[in-house]
PDB file of N, CA and C in Angstrom:
ATOM      1  N   MET A   1      96.038  50.318 132.913  1.00  0.00           N
ATOM      2  CA  MET A   1      95.811  50.522 131.691  1.00  0.00           C
ATOM      3  C   MET A   1      95.576  48.543 131.100  1.00  0.00           C
ATOM      4  N   ASN A   2      94.006  48.605 130.921  1.00  0.00           N
ATOM      5  CA  ASN A   2      94.065  47.514 129.624  1.00  0.00           C
ATOM      6  C   ASN A   2      94.571  47.489 128.383  1.00  0.00           C
ATOM      7  N   LYS A   3      94.729  46.670 128.218  1.00  0.00           N
ATOM      8  CA  LYS A   3      95.152  46.368 126.388  1.00  0.00           C
ATOM      9  C   LYS A   3      94.045  47.151 125.708  1.00  0.00           C
ATOM     10  N   LYS A   4      92.812  47.459 125.823  1.00  0.00           N
ATOM     11  CA  LYS A   4      92.386  48.072 124.587  1.00  0.00           C
ATOM     12  C   LYS A   4      92.827  49.363 124.580  1.00  0.00           C
ATOM     13  N   GLU A   5      92.945  50.397 125.650  1.00  0.00           N
ATOM     14  CA  GLU A   5      93.237  51.550 125.722  1.00  0.00           C
ATOM     15  C   GLU A   5      95.337  51.831 125.787  1.00  0.00           C
ATOM     16  N   GLU A   6      95.824  50.367 125.507  1.00  0.00           N
ATOM     17  CA  GLU A   6      97.189  50.441 125.296  1.00  0.00           C
ATOM     18  C   GLU A   6      97.055  50.392 123.777  1.00  0.00           C
ATOM     19  N   THR A   7      96.257  49.547 122.818  1.00  0.00           N
ATOM     20  CA  THR A   7      96.314  49.670 121.439  1.00  0.00           C
ATOM     21  C   THR A   7      95.988  51.306 121.238  1.00  0.00           C
ATOM     22  N   LEU A   8      95.331  51.369 121.776  1.00  0.00           N
ATOM     23  CA  LEU A   8      94.836  53.077 121.811  1.00  0.00           C
ATOM     24  C   LEU A   8      96.058  54.043 121.170  1.00  0.00           C
ATOM     25  N   LEU A   9      96.674  53.529 122.309  1.00  0.00           N
ATOM     26  CA  LEU A   9      97.945  55.085 122.867  1.00  0.00           C
ATOM     27  C   LEU A   9      98.588  54.469 121.708  1.00  0.00           C
ATOM     28  N   GLN A  10      99.027  53.346 121.296  1.00  0.00           N
ATOM     29  CA  GLN A  10     100.312  53.175 120.169  1.00  0.00           C
ATOM     30  C   GLN A  10      99.703  53.295 118.640  1.00  0.00           C
ATOM     31  N   ASN A  11      98.082  53.129 118.720  1.00  0.00           N
ATOM     32  CA  ASN A  11      97.859  54.120 116.915  1.00  0.00           C
ATOM     33  C   ASN A  11      97.587  55.722 117.251  1.00  0.00           C
ATOM     34  N   PHE A  12      97.484  55.942 117.791  1.00  0.00           N
ATOM     35  CA  PHE A  12      97.105  57.570 118.183  1.00  0.00           C
ATOM     36  C   PHE A  12      98.398  58.384 117.471  1.00  0.00           C
ATOM     37  N   PRO A  13      99.711  57.462 117.488  1.00  0.00           N
ATOM     38  CA  PRO A  13     101.092  58.921 117.076  1.00  0.00           C
ATOM     39  C   PRO A  13     100.361  58.290 114.804  1.00  0.00           C
ATOM     40  N   LYS A  14      99.902  57.030 114.985  1.00  0.00           N
ATOM     41  CA  LYS A  14      99.536  56.510 113.364  1.00  0.00           C
ATOM     42  C   LYS A  14      98.162  57.470 112.975  1.00  0.00           C
ATOM     43  N   HIS A  15      98.201  58.065 113.801  1.00  0.00           N
ATOM     44  CA  HIS A  15      96.867  58.719 113.260  1.00  0.00           C
ATOM     45  C   HIS A  15      97.289  60.092 113.084  1.00  0.00           C
ATOM     46  N   GLN A  16      98.041  60.765 114.204  1.00  0.00           N
ATOM     47  CA  GLN A  16      98.481  62.315 113.749  1.00  0.00           C
ATOM     48  C   GLN A  16      99.710  62.214 112.691  1.00  0.00           C
ATOM     49  N   ASP A  17     100.350  61.165 112.496  1.00  0.00           N
ATOM     50  CA  ASP A  17     101.241  60.956 111.239  1.00  0.00           C
ATOM     51  C   ASP A  17     100.386  61.138 109.692  1.00  0.00           C
ATOM     52  N   TYR A  18      98.918  60.227 109.737  1.00  0.00           N
ATOM     53  CA  TYR A  18      98.486  60.416 108.738  1.00  0.00           C
ATOM     54  C   TYR A  18      97.192  61.773 108.743  1.00  0.00           C
ATOM     55  N   LEU A  19      96.890  62.419 109.458  1.00  0.00           N
ATOM     56  CA  LEU A  19      96.196  64.007 109.486  1.00  0.00           C
ATOM     57  C   LEU A  19      97.461  64.503 108.713  1.00  0.00           C
ATOM     58  N   LYS A  20      98.399  64.333 109.417  1.00  0.00           N
ATOM     59  CA  LYS A  20      99.619  65.427 108.746  1.00  0.00           C
ATOM     60  C   LYS A  20      99.974  65.678 107.490  1.00  0.00           C
ATOM     61  N   GLN A  21     100.181  64.095 106.674  1.00  0.00           N
ATOM     62  CA  GLN A  21     100.142  63.528 105.749  1.00  0.00           C
ATOM     63  C   GLN A  21      98.726  64.374 104.938  1.00  0.00           C
ATOM     64  N   GLN A  22      97.941  63.994 105.634  1.00  0.00           N
ATOM     65  CA  GLN A  22      96.212  64.243 104.517  1.00  0.00           C
ATOM     66  C   GLN A  22      95.969  65.803 104.958  1.00  0.00           C
ATOM     67  N   LEU A  23      96.675  66.837 105.470  1.00  0.00           N
ATOM     68  CA  LEU A  23      97.183  67.750 105.761  1.00  0.00           C
ATOM     69  C   LEU A  23      97.736  68.848 104.387  1.00  0.00           C
ATOM     70  N   ARG A  24      99.307  67.714 104.182  1.00  0.00           N
ATOM     71  CA  ARG A  24     100.055  68.555 103.571  1.00  0.00           C
ATOM     72  C   ARG A  24      99.869  67.989 102.318  1.00  0.00           C
ATOM     73  N   ASP A  25      99.148  66.978 101.610  1.00  0.00           N
ATOM     74  CA  ASP A  25      99.377  66.386 100.634  1.00  0.00           C
ATOM     75  C   ASP A  25      98.148  66.695  99.861  1.00  0.00           C
ATOM     76  N   ASP A  26      96.923  67.114 100.206  1.00  0.00           N
ATOM     77  CA  ASP A  26      95.577  67.164 100.199  1.00  0.00           C
ATOM     78  C   ASP A  26      94.993  68.759 100.852  1.00  0.00           C
ATOM     79  N   PRO A  27      95.471  69.785  99.498  1.00  0.00           N
ATOM     80  CA  PRO A  27      94.900  71.319  99.934  1.00  0.00           C
ATOM     81  C   PRO A  27      93.268  71.409 100.277  1.00  0.00           C
ATOM     82  N   GLU A  28      92.325  70.614  99.748  1.00  0.00           N
ATOM     83  CA  GLU A  28      91.221  70.822  99.960  1.00  0.00           C
ATOM     84  C   GLU A  28      91.089  70.171 101.111  1.00  0.00           C
ATOM     85  N   TYR A  29      91.322  69.169 101.678  1.00  0.00           N
ATOM     86  CA  TYR A  29      91.463  68.755 102.553  1.00  0.00           C
ATOM     87  C   TYR A  29      91.742  69.722 103.938  1.00  0.00           C
ATOM     88  N   ALA A  30      92.795  70.438 103.545  1.00  0.00           N
ATOM     89  CA  ALA A  30      93.653  71.578 104.569  1.00  0.00           C
ATOM     90  C   ALA A  30      92.242  72.444 105.106  1.00  0.00           C
ATOM     91  N   GLY A  31      92.081  73.071 103.618  1.00  0.00           N
ATOM     92  CA  GLY A  31      90.926  74.132 103.547  1.00  0.00           C
ATOM     93  C   GLY A  31      89.797  73.689 104.291  1.00  0.00           C
ATOM     94  N   MET A  32      89.139  72.340 104.715  1.00  0.00           N
ATOM     95  CA  MET A  32      88.575  72.361 105.970  1.00  0.00           C
ATOM     96  C   MET A  32      88.136  71.833 107.053  1.00  0.00           C
ATOM     97  N   TRP A  33      89.701  71.250 106.934  1.00  0.00           N
ATOM     98  CA  TRP A  33      90.552  71.478 108.393  1.00  0.00           C
ATOM     99  C   TRP A  33      90.397  73.056 108.601  1.00  0.00           C
ATOM    100  N   LEU A  34      91.152  73.645 107.795  1.00  0.00           N
ATOM    101  CA  LEU A  34      90.922  75.260 108.822  1.00  0.00           C
ATOM    102  C   LEU A  34      89.579  75.834 109.037  1.00  0.00           C
ATOM    103  N   ASP A  35      88.864  75.585 107.980  1.00  0.00           N
ATOM    104  CA  ASP A  35      87.191  76.400 107.947  1.00  0.00           C
ATOM    105  C   ASP A  35      86.860  75.438 109.620  1.00  0.00           C
ATOM    106  N   SER A  36      86.862  74.451 109.356  1.00  0.00           N
ATOM    107  CA  SER A  36      85.945  74.114 110.279  1.00  0.00           C
ATOM    108  C   SER A  36      86.638  74.174 112.110  1.00  0.00           C
ATOM    109  N   LEU A  37      87.883  74.810 111.950  1.00  0.00           N
ATOM    110  CA  LEU A  37      88.731  75.484 113.264  1.00  0.00           C
ATOM    111  C   LEU A  37      88.476  76.994 113.373  1.00  0.00           C
ATOM    112  N   LEU A  38      88.104  77.720 112.167  1.00  0.00           N
ATOM    113  CA  LEU A  38      86.771  78.972 112.554  1.00  0.00           C
ATOM    114  C   LEU A  38      85.971  78.643 113.202  1.00  0.00           C
ATOM    115  N   GLU A  39      85.065  77.550 111.915  1.00  0.00           N
ATOM    116  CA  GLU A  39      83.506  77.720 112.993  1.00  0.00           C
ATOM    117  C   GLU A  39      83.409  77.325 114.080  1.00  0.00           C
ATOM    118  N   ASP A  40      84.578  76.388 114.509  1.00  0.00           N
ATOM    119  CA  ASP A  40      84.567  76.455 116.021  1.00  0.00           C
ATOM    120  C   ASP A  40      85.173  77.444 116.904  1.00  0.00           C
ATOM    121  N   TYR A  41      86.574  78.156 116.478  1.00  0.00           N
ATOM    122  CA  TYR A  41      86.353  79.368 116.916  1.00  0.00           C
ATOM    123  C   TYR A  41      85.243  80.355 116.659  1.00  0.00           C
ATOM    124  N   SER A  42      84.176  80.738 115.952  1.00  0.00           N
ATOM    125  CA  SER A  42      83.617  81.400 116.316  1.00  0.00           C
ATOM    126  C   SER A  42      82.169  80.926 117.241  1.00  0.00           C
ATOM    127  N   ALA A  43      82.254  79.529 117.488  1.00  0.00           N
ATOM    128  CA  ALA A  43      81.082  79.337 118.639  1.00  0.00           C
ATOM    129  C   ALA A  43      81.977  79.774 119.851  1.00  0.00           C
ATOM    130  N   SER A  44      83.203  79.201 119.913  1.00  0.00           N
ATOM    131  CA  SER A  44      83.773  79.105 121.309  1.00  0.00           C
ATOM    132  C   SER A  44      84.520  80.411 121.526  1.00  0.00           C
ATOM    133  N   LYS A  45      84.960  80.900 120.771  1.00  0.00           N
ATOM    134  CA  LYS A  45      85.822  83.067 121.204  1.00  0.00           C
ATOM    135  C   LYS A  45      86.994  82.258 121.644  1.00  0.00           C
ATOM    136  N   ASP A  46      87.299  80.831 121.575  1.00  0.00           N
ATOM    137  CA  ASP A  46      88.932  80.570 122.388  1.00  0.00           C
ATOM    138  C   ASP A  46      90.080  80.959 121.579  1.00  0.00           C
ATOM    139  N   VAL A  47      90.725  82.065 121.021  1.00  0.00           N
ATOM    140  CA  VAL A  47      91.680  82.072 120.860  1.00  0.00           C
ATOM    141  C   VAL A  47      93.098  80.954 121.190  1.00  0.00           C
ATOM    142  N   ASN A  48      92.681  80.386 121.826  1.00  0.00           N
ATOM    143  CA  ASN A  48      93.712  79.048 122.155  1.00  0.00           C
ATOM    144  C   ASN A  48      93.439  77.829 121.716  1.00  0.00           C
ATOM    145  N   ASP A  49      92.141  77.840 121.360  1.00  0.00           N
ATOM    146  CA  ASP A  49      92.251  76.373 121.555  1.00  0.00           C
ATOM    147  C   ASP A  49      92.062  76.821 119.480  1.00  0.00           C
ATOM    148  N   LEU A  50      91.943  77.883 118.996  1.00  0.00           N
ATOM    149  CA  LEU A  50      92.379  78.179 117.749  1.00  0.00           C
ATOM    150  C   LEU A  50      93.195  77.854 117.733  1.00  0.00           C
ATOM    151  N   ILE A  51      94.424  77.962 117.660  1.00  0.00           N
ATOM    152  CA  ILE A  51      96.278  77.746 117.542  1.00  0.00           C
ATOM    153  C   ILE A  51      96.095  76.324 117.889  1.00  0.00           C
ATOM    154  N   TYR A  52      95.694  76.286 119.254  1.00  0.00           N
ATOM    155  CA  TYR A  52      96.730  75.087 119.222  1.00  0.00           C
ATOM    156  C   TYR A  52      96.062  73.640 118.665  1.00  0.00           C
ATOM    157  N   ASN A  53      94.769  73.922 117.538  1.00  0.00           N
ATOM    158  CA  ASN A  53      94.318  73.359 117.030  1.00  0.00           C
ATOM    159  C   ASN A  53      94.975  73.526 115.013  1.00  0.00           C
ATOM    160  N   LEU A  54      96.010  74.865 115.267  1.00  0.00           N
ATOM    161  CA  LEU A  54      96.544  74.414 113.801  1.00  0.00           C
ATOM    162  C   LEU A  54      97.907  74.023 114.129  1.00  0.00           C
ATOM    163  N   LYS A  55      98.511  73.143 115.248  1.00  0.00           N
ATOM    164  CA  LYS A  55      99.480  72.987 115.651  1.00  0.00           C
ATOM    165  C   LYS A  55      99.737  71.709 114.164  1.00  0.00           C
ATOM    166  N   PRO A  56      98.470  70.734 114.063  1.00  0.00           N
ATOM    167  CA  PRO A  56      98.498  69.681 112.935  1.00  0.00           C
ATOM    168  C   PRO A  56      99.402  70.458 111.715  1.00  0.00           C
ATOM    169  N   LEU A  57      98.623  71.905 111.059  1.00  0.00           N
ATOM    170  CA  LEU A  57      98.225  71.582 109.707  1.00  0.00           C
ATOM    171  C   LEU A  57      99.804  72.931 110.095  1.00  0.00           C
ATOM    172  N   ILE A  58     100.409  73.018 110.774  1.00  0.00           N
ATOM    173  CA  ILE A  58     101.468  73.677 110.678  1.00  0.00           C
ATOM    174  C   ILE A  58     102.864  72.765 110.624  1.00  0.00           C
ATOM    175  N   GLU A  59     102.438  71.683 111.025  1.00  0.00           N
ATOM    176  CA  GLU A  59     103.588  70.370 111.671  1.00  0.00           C
ATOM    177  C   GLU A  59     103.434  69.688 110.358  1.00  0.00           C
ATOM    178  N   ALA A  60     102.490  70.010 109.412  1.00  0.00           N
ATOM    179  CA  ALA A  60     102.638  68.753 107.843  1.00  0.00           C
ATOM    180  C   ALA A  60     103.579  69.032 107.108  1.00  0.00           C
ATOM    181  N   SER A  61     103.674  70.511 107.312  1.00  0.00           N
ATOM    182  CA  SER A  61     104.794  71.240 106.843  1.00  0.00           C
ATOM    183  C   SER A  61     106.435  71.411 106.880  1.00  0.00           C
ATOM    184  N   TYR A  62     106.440  71.479 108.515  1.00  0.00           N
ATOM    185  CA  TYR A  62     107.646  72.314 109.056  1.00  0.00           C
ATOM    186  C   TYR A  62     107.678  72.070 110.430  1.00  0.00           C
ATOM    187  N   THR A  63     108.972  71.893 110.863  1.00  0.00           N
ATOM    188  CA  THR A  63     108.881  71.633 112.411  1.00  0.00           C
ATOM    189  C   THR A  63     108.641  73.136 113.196  1.00  0.00           C
ATOM    190  N   ILE A  64     108.232  72.825 114.421  1.00  0.00           N
ATOM    191  CA  ILE A  64     108.001  74.278 114.807  1.00  0.00           C
ATOM    192  C   ILE A  64     109.567  75.425 115.211  1.00  0.00           C
ATOM    193  N   CYS A  65     110.291  74.334 114.751  1.00  0.00           N
ATOM    194  CA  CYS A  65     111.660  75.875 115.348  1.00  0.00           C
ATOM    195  C   CYS A  65     111.722  76.158 113.697  1.00  0.00           C
ATOM    196  N   ASP A  66     110.899  75.550 112.550  1.00  0.00           N
ATOM    197  CA  ASP A  66     111.591  76.211 111.346  1.00  0.00           C
ATOM    198  C   ASP A  66     110.237  77.297 111.152  1.00  0.00           C
ATOM    199  N   PHE A  67     109.062  76.744 110.886  1.00  0.00           N
ATOM    200  CA  PHE A  67     107.619  77.695 111.268  1.00  0.00           C
ATOM    201  C   PHE A  67     108.130  79.524 112.166  1.00  0.00           C
ATOM    202  N   ALA A  68     108.527  78.812 113.245  1.00  0.00           N
ATOM    203  CA  ALA A  68     109.107  79.737 114.103  1.00  0.00           C
ATOM    204  C   ALA A  68     109.673  81.392 112.933  1.00  0.00           C
ATOM    205  N   LYS A  69     111.146  80.363 112.583  1.00  0.00           N
ATOM    206  CA  LYS A  69     112.078  81.000 111.661  1.00  0.00           C
ATOM    207  C   LYS A  69     111.247  81.990 110.819  1.00  0.00           C
ATOM    208  N   LEU A  70     109.983  81.488 110.154  1.00  0.00           N
ATOM    209  CA  LEU A  70     109.717  81.882 108.252  1.00  0.00           C
ATOM    210  C   LEU A  70     108.814  82.633 108.597  1.00  0.00           C
ATOM    211  N   ILE A  71     108.019  82.996 110.225  1.00  0.00           N
ATOM    212  CA  ILE A  71     107.168  83.895 110.141  1.00  0.00           C
ATOM    213  C   ILE A  71     108.033  85.037 111.341  1.00  0.00           C
ATOM    214  N   GLY A  72     108.941  85.075 111.271  1.00  0.00           N
ATOM    215  CA  GLY A  72     109.975  85.851 112.401  1.00  0.00           C
ATOM    216  C   GLY A  72     109.361  85.776 113.860  1.00  0.00           C
ATOM    217  N   ILE A  73     109.418  84.881 114.611  1.00  0.00           N
ATOM    218  CA  ILE A  73     108.767  84.895 116.130  1.00  0.00           C
ATOM    219  C   ILE A  73     109.945  84.327 116.464  1.00  0.00           C
ATOM    220  N   HIS A  74     109.808  84.249 117.986  1.00  0.00           N
ATOM    221  CA  HIS A  74     110.941  83.450 118.643  1.00  0.00           C
ATOM    222  C   HIS A  74     110.265  82.019 118.799  1.00  0.00           C
ATOM    223  N   ARG A  75     111.267  80.932 118.175  1.00  0.00           N
ATOM    224  CA  ARG A  75     110.432  79.634 118.611  1.00  0.00           C
ATOM    225  C   ARG A  75     109.650  79.328 119.888  1.00  0.00           C
ATOM    226  N   ILE A  76     110.256  79.487 120.993  1.00  0.00           N
ATOM    227  CA  ILE A  76     109.770  80.059 122.568  1.00  0.00           C
ATOM    228  C   ILE A  76     108.707  80.341 122.178  1.00  0.00           C
ATOM    229  N   THR A  77     107.683  81.577 121.981  1.00  0.00           N
ATOM    230  CA  THR A  77     106.998  82.363 121.583  1.00  0.00           C
ATOM    231  C   THR A  77     105.921  81.157 120.931  1.00  0.00           C
ATOM    232  N   LEU A  78     106.175  80.558 119.964  1.00  0.00           N
ATOM    233  CA  LEU A  78     105.086  79.722 119.028  1.00  0.00           C
ATOM    234  C   LEU A  78     105.195  78.551 120.567  1.00  0.00           C
ATOM    235  N   TYR A  79     106.173  77.810 120.975  1.00  0.00           N
ATOM    236  CA  TYR A  79     105.795  77.136 122.277  1.00  0.00           C
ATOM    237  C   TYR A  79     105.007  77.379 123.116  1.00  0.00           C
ATOM    238  N   LYS A  80     105.278  78.181 123.862  1.00  0.00           N
ATOM    239  CA  LYS A  80     104.304  78.986 124.701  1.00  0.00           C
ATOM    240  C   LYS A  80     102.978  79.406 124.490  1.00  0.00           C
ATOM    241  N   ILE A  81     102.886  79.610 122.875  1.00  0.00           N
ATOM    242  CA  ILE A  81     101.277  79.733 122.406  1.00  0.00           C
ATOM    243  C   ILE A  81     100.424  78.356 122.687  1.00  0.00           C
ATOM    244  N   PHE A  82     101.342  77.450 121.925  1.00  0.00           N
ATOM    245  CA  PHE A  82     100.777  75.770 121.587  1.00  0.00           C
ATOM    246  C   PHE A  82     100.780  75.414 123.472  1.00  0.00           C
ATOM    247  N   SER A  83     101.036  75.713 123.960  1.00  0.00           N
ATOM    248  CA  SER A  83     101.191  75.122 125.698  1.00  0.00           C
ATOM    249  C   SER A  83     100.038  75.571 126.108  1.00  0.00           C
ATOM    250  N   ARG A  84      99.358  77.319 125.789  1.00  0.00           N
ATOM    251  CA  ARG A  84      98.413  77.773 126.568  1.00  0.00           C
ATOM    252  C   ARG A  84      98.887  78.257 127.342  1.00  0.00           C
ATOM    253  N   LYS A  85     100.643  78.746 126.913  1.00  0.00           N
ATOM    254  CA  LYS A  85     100.984  80.162 128.238  1.00  0.00           C
ATOM    255  C   LYS A  85     100.915  81.521 128.024  1.00  0.00           C
ATOM    256  N   MET A  86     100.580  81.341 126.362  1.00  0.00           N
ATOM    257  CA  MET A  86     100.376  82.981 126.479  1.00  0.00           C
ATOM    258  C   MET A  86      99.643  82.714 125.208  1.00  0.00           C
ATOM    259  N   VAL A  87      98.939  84.420 125.010  1.00  0.00           N
ATOM    260  CA  VAL A  87      97.417  84.018 124.166  1.00  0.00           C
ATOM    261  C   VAL A  87      98.168  85.470 123.090  1.00  0.00           C
ATOM    262  N   PRO A  88      98.353  84.412 121.754  1.00  0.00           N
ATOM    263  CA  PRO A  88      98.962  85.235 120.745  1.00  0.00           C
ATOM    264  C   PRO A  88      98.318  87.274 120.689  1.00  0.00           C
ATOM    265  N   SER A  89      98.874  87.392 119.754  1.00  0.00           N
ATOM    266  CA  SER A  89      98.667  88.888 119.746  1.00  0.00           C
ATOM    267  C   SER A  89      97.938  89.006 118.129  1.00  0.00           C
ATOM    268  N   ILE A  90      96.991  90.169 118.075  1.00  0.00           N
ATOM    269  CA  ILE A  90      97.005  89.758 116.682  1.00  0.00           C
ATOM    270  C   ILE A  90      97.633  90.114 115.213  1.00  0.00           C
ATOM    271  N   GLU A  91      98.725  90.448 115.780  1.00  0.00           N
ATOM    272  CA  GLU A  91     100.143  90.458 115.076  1.00  0.00           C
ATOM    273  C   GLU A  91     100.727  89.095 114.472  1.00  0.00           C
ATOM    274  N   ILE A  92     101.206  88.149 115.853  1.00  0.00           N
ATOM    275  CA  ILE A  92     101.251  86.887 115.346  1.00  0.00           C
ATOM    276  C   ILE A  92     100.030  86.102 115.284  1.00  0.00           C
ATOM    277  N   LEU A  93      98.846  86.401 115.322  1.00  0.00           N
ATOM    278  CA  LEU A  93      98.275  85.960 114.609  1.00  0.00           C
ATOM    279  C   LEU A  93      98.074  85.435 112.959  1.00  0.00           C
ATOM    280  N   HIS A  94      98.034  87.392 112.416  1.00  0.00           N
ATOM    281  CA  HIS A  94      98.649  87.387 111.512  1.00  0.00           C
ATOM    282  C   HIS A  94      99.482  86.867 110.896  1.00  0.00           C
ATOM    283  N   LYS A  95     101.021  86.270 111.264  1.00  0.00           N
ATOM    284  CA  LYS A  95     101.611  85.975 110.764  1.00  0.00           C
ATOM    285  C   LYS A  95     101.961  84.481 110.962  1.00  0.00           C
ATOM    286  N   ILE A  96     101.008  83.623 111.700  1.00  0.00           N
ATOM    287  CA  ILE A  96     101.398  82.121 111.671  1.00  0.00           C
ATOM    288  C   ILE A  96      99.700  82.173 110.127  1.00  0.00           C
ATOM    289  N   PHE A  97      98.918  82.532 110.152  1.00  0.00           N
ATOM    290  CA  PHE A  97      98.171  82.812 109.208  1.00  0.00           C
ATOM    291  C   PHE A  97      98.688  82.945 107.506  1.00  0.00           C
ATOM    292  N   SER A  98      99.656  83.397 107.773  1.00  0.00           N
ATOM    293  CA  SER A  98     100.339  84.034 106.433  1.00  0.00           C
ATOM    294  C   SER A  98     101.249  83.215 106.419  1.00  0.00           C
ATOM    295  N   GLY A  99     102.015  82.410 107.255  1.00  0.00           N
ATOM    296  CA  GLY A  99     102.987  81.364 107.167  1.00  0.00           C
ATOM    297  C   GLY A  99     102.321  80.214 106.583  1.00  0.00           C
ATOM    298  N   LEU A 100     100.875  80.100 106.967  1.00  0.00           N
ATOM    299  CA  LEU A 100     100.447  79.273 105.951  1.00  0.00           C
ATOM    300  C   LEU A 100      99.739  78.698 105.068  1.00  0.00           C
ATOM    301  N   GLY A 101      99.579  80.176 104.451  1.00  0.00           N
ATOM    302  CA  GLY A 101      99.149  80.919 103.161  1.00  0.00           C
ATOM    303  C   GLY A 101      97.857  81.600 102.915  1.00  0.00           C
ATOM    304  N   TYR A 102      97.780  82.293 104.326  1.00  0.00           N
ATOM    305  CA  TYR A 102      96.228  82.568 104.084  1.00  0.00           C
ATOM    306  C   TYR A 102      95.952  83.983 104.368  1.00  0.00           C
ATOM    307  N   GLU A 103      95.286  84.226 104.350  1.00  0.00           N
ATOM    308  CA  GLU A 103      95.150  85.697 104.597  1.00  0.00           C
ATOM    309  C   GLU A 103      93.740  86.278 105.789  1.00  0.00           C
ATOM    310  N   LEU A 104      94.424  86.425 106.908  1.00  0.00           N
ATOM    311  CA  LEU A 104      93.733  87.198 107.674  1.00  0.00           C
ATOM    312  C   LEU A 104      93.177  88.294 107.806  1.00  0.00           C
ATOM    313  N   LYS A 105      91.914  88.393 107.364  1.00  0.00           N
ATOM    314  CA  LYS A 105      91.155  89.674 107.463  1.00  0.00           C
ATOM    315  C   LYS A 105      90.123  90.002 108.476  1.00  0.00           C
ATOM    316  N   ILE A 106      89.640  90.886 109.040  1.00  0.00           N
ATOM    317  CA  ILE A 106      88.495  91.498 110.179  1.00  0.00           C
ATOM    318  C   ILE A 106      87.485  92.105 109.144  1.00  0.00           C
ATOM    319  N   PHE A 107      86.607  91.832 109.421  1.00  0.00           N
ATOM    320  CA  PHE A 107      85.276  92.814 108.547  1.00  0.00           C
ATOM    321  C   PHE A 107      84.754  93.301 109.678  1.00  0.00           C
ATOM    322  N   VAL A 108      84.262  94.788 109.089  1.00  0.00           N
ATOM    323  CA  VAL A 108      83.155  94.816 110.004  1.00  0.00           C
ATOM    324  C   VAL A 108      81.717  94.396 110.233  1.00  0.00           C
ATOM    325  N   GLN A 109      81.283  94.146 111.331  1.00  0.00           N
ATOM    326  CA  GLN A 109      80.002  93.004 111.777  1.00  0.00           C
ATOM    327  C   GLN A 109      78.842  94.097 111.274  1.00  0.00           C
ATOM    328  N   LYS A 110      78.010  93.165 110.168  1.00  0.00           N
ATOM    329  CA  LYS A 110      76.719  94.198 109.895  1.00  0.00           C
ATOM    330  C   LYS A 110      75.956  94.020 111.584  1.00  0.00           C
ATOM    331  N   VAL A 111      74.850  94.750 111.901  1.00  0.00           N
ATOM    332  CA  VAL A 111      74.478  94.778 113.049  1.00  0.00           C
ATOM    333  C   VAL A 111      72.852  95.617 112.217  1.00  0.00           C
TER     334      VAL A 111
END
């Protein structure tokens, strides 16, 4: 590993901490973050990516264990979802979004 790569890796945790702080302290930024994730999901239809990318938003305010308790699922289930070993059900998706303070709605598609 070269010096530049070492510096980048050392700074990465700082970036994650900064991101979590921004998501926690700035509701508008958190909303833009979520909008961006939903746009990406609309294009990719990859629910695992959507949930994986929600992790910083969750960790901005909770530990994974505390969030799992809050939304009423086992922490192992949440860890499996974040490690992409399990695809969340619609019920779990609803609980995750609800726990973050958002309402998950499904609309009839206009054809």
